[in-house]
Each structure stands twice: as structure tokens, then as C-alpha cells.
Protein backbone atom coordinates (compact mmCIF):
# COMPACT_ATOMS: atom_id res chain seq x y z
CA UNK A 1 117.46 114.57 122.07
CA UNK A 2 118.48 115.53 118.68
CA UNK A 3 115.44 117.07 116.09
CA UNK A 4 114.93 114.70 113.41
CA UNK A 5 112.65 116.38 111.55
CA UNK A 6 113.71 118.74 108.35
CA UNK A 7 110.27 120.45 107.64
CA UNK A 8 108.12 123.09 110.50
CA UNK A 9 104.95 121.15 111.34
CA UNK A 10 102.03 123.02 112.41
CA UNK A 11 99.70 121.74 115.00
CA UNK A 12 96.18 121.75 114.03
CA UNK A 13 92.84 120.02 113.77
CA UNK A 14 91.12 119.11 110.26
CA UNK A 15 88.67 116.42 110.03
CA UNK A 16 90.19 113.48 107.62
CA UNK A 17 89.02 110.59 105.81
CA UNK A 18 91.33 107.66 105.14
CA UNK A 19 91.25 104.32 103.36
CA UNK A 20 93.55 101.63 102.25
CA UNK A 21 92.76 98.38 100.31
CA UNK A 22 91.08 96.59 103.87
CA UNK A 23 89.74 99.62 105.33
CA UNK A 24 88.46 102.90 106.05
CA UNK A 25 88.04 105.43 108.61
CA UNK A 26 87.64 109.00 109.97
CA UNK A 27 90.18 111.12 112.11
CA UNK A 28 92.22 114.43 112.73
CA UNK A 29 95.21 115.76 111.06
CA UNK A 30 96.85 116.87 114.04
CA UNK A 31 100.08 118.04 112.54
CA UNK A 32 101.02 118.93 109.35
CA UNK A 33 104.41 119.84 107.22
CA UNK A 34 105.65 119.77 103.98
CA UNK A 35 107.04 116.38 104.11
CA UNK A 36 103.84 114.33 106.01
CA UNK A 37 101.22 114.43 108.83
CA UNK A 38 99.97 112.98 111.96
CA UNK A 39 96.49 111.55 111.39
CA UNK A 40 94.86 110.97 114.99
CA UNK A 41 92.12 107.98 114.76
CA UNK A 42 91.19 104.36 115.97
CA UNK A 43 91.65 102.77 112.76
CA UNK A 44 94.66 100.38 112.15
CA UNK A 45 97.14 100.45 109.01
CA UNK A 46 99.67 97.89 108.60
CA UNK A 47 103.31 99.16 107.44
CA UNK A 48 104.21 100.04 104.23
CA UNK A 49 100.34 99.79 103.45
CA UNK A 50 99.07 102.40 100.69
CA UNK A 51 96.51 104.79 101.87
CA UNK A 52 94.18 107.42 100.70
CA UNK A 53 93.84 110.39 102.62
CA UNK A 54 90.83 113.03 102.39
CA UNK A 55 92.00 116.58 104.36
CA UNK A 56 88.84 118.70 105.12
CA UNK A 57 90.05 122.38 104.69
CA UNK A 58 86.89 124.04 105.44
CA UNK A 59 84.17 123.72 102.42
CA UNK A 60 87.55 122.96 100.03
CA UNK A 61 88.82 119.38 100.14
CA UNK A 62 92.60 118.95 99.09
CA UNK A 63 93.65 115.42 97.99
CA UNK A 64 97.12 114.34 97.17
CA UNK A 65 98.23 114.89 93.23
CA UNK A 66 95.61 117.40 93.18
CA UNK A 67 92.74 116.01 92.41
């Protein structure tokens, strides 16, 4: 099978919180690259649903958009 990913992926385990218009939950970012990430969570999101993701990097928080 041919690899489709364009950016190197890093395996890690960072606590995260996510929130959509309909729900919110906690999870872990298990895989991270310059183009995206994989969030392991018990919550569910619909395809094309916008989600706000907060990743905890130790004592610092990083939000998309630099806020």
C-alpha cells in the first residue's frame, strides 16, 4: 500500500479537550504532523463538523490560530 501522507507524523500522548456546537469531550492527541492530528476520544463528531481543539503541552496551551 502506498503512503499518502505528505508530512512526517510524530507519535505522542498529549491531553486534549475539544468542543463542537453540539458536544464536547476530552481525549488524547496520539499522532501529530504539520497537516493534522489524530485525537483518541470516546466522543463522536460528524463529517465536516467544525471543532475547536485545545492541546495541553505541559504548562502551556496551544490553540489553532495562535490565541
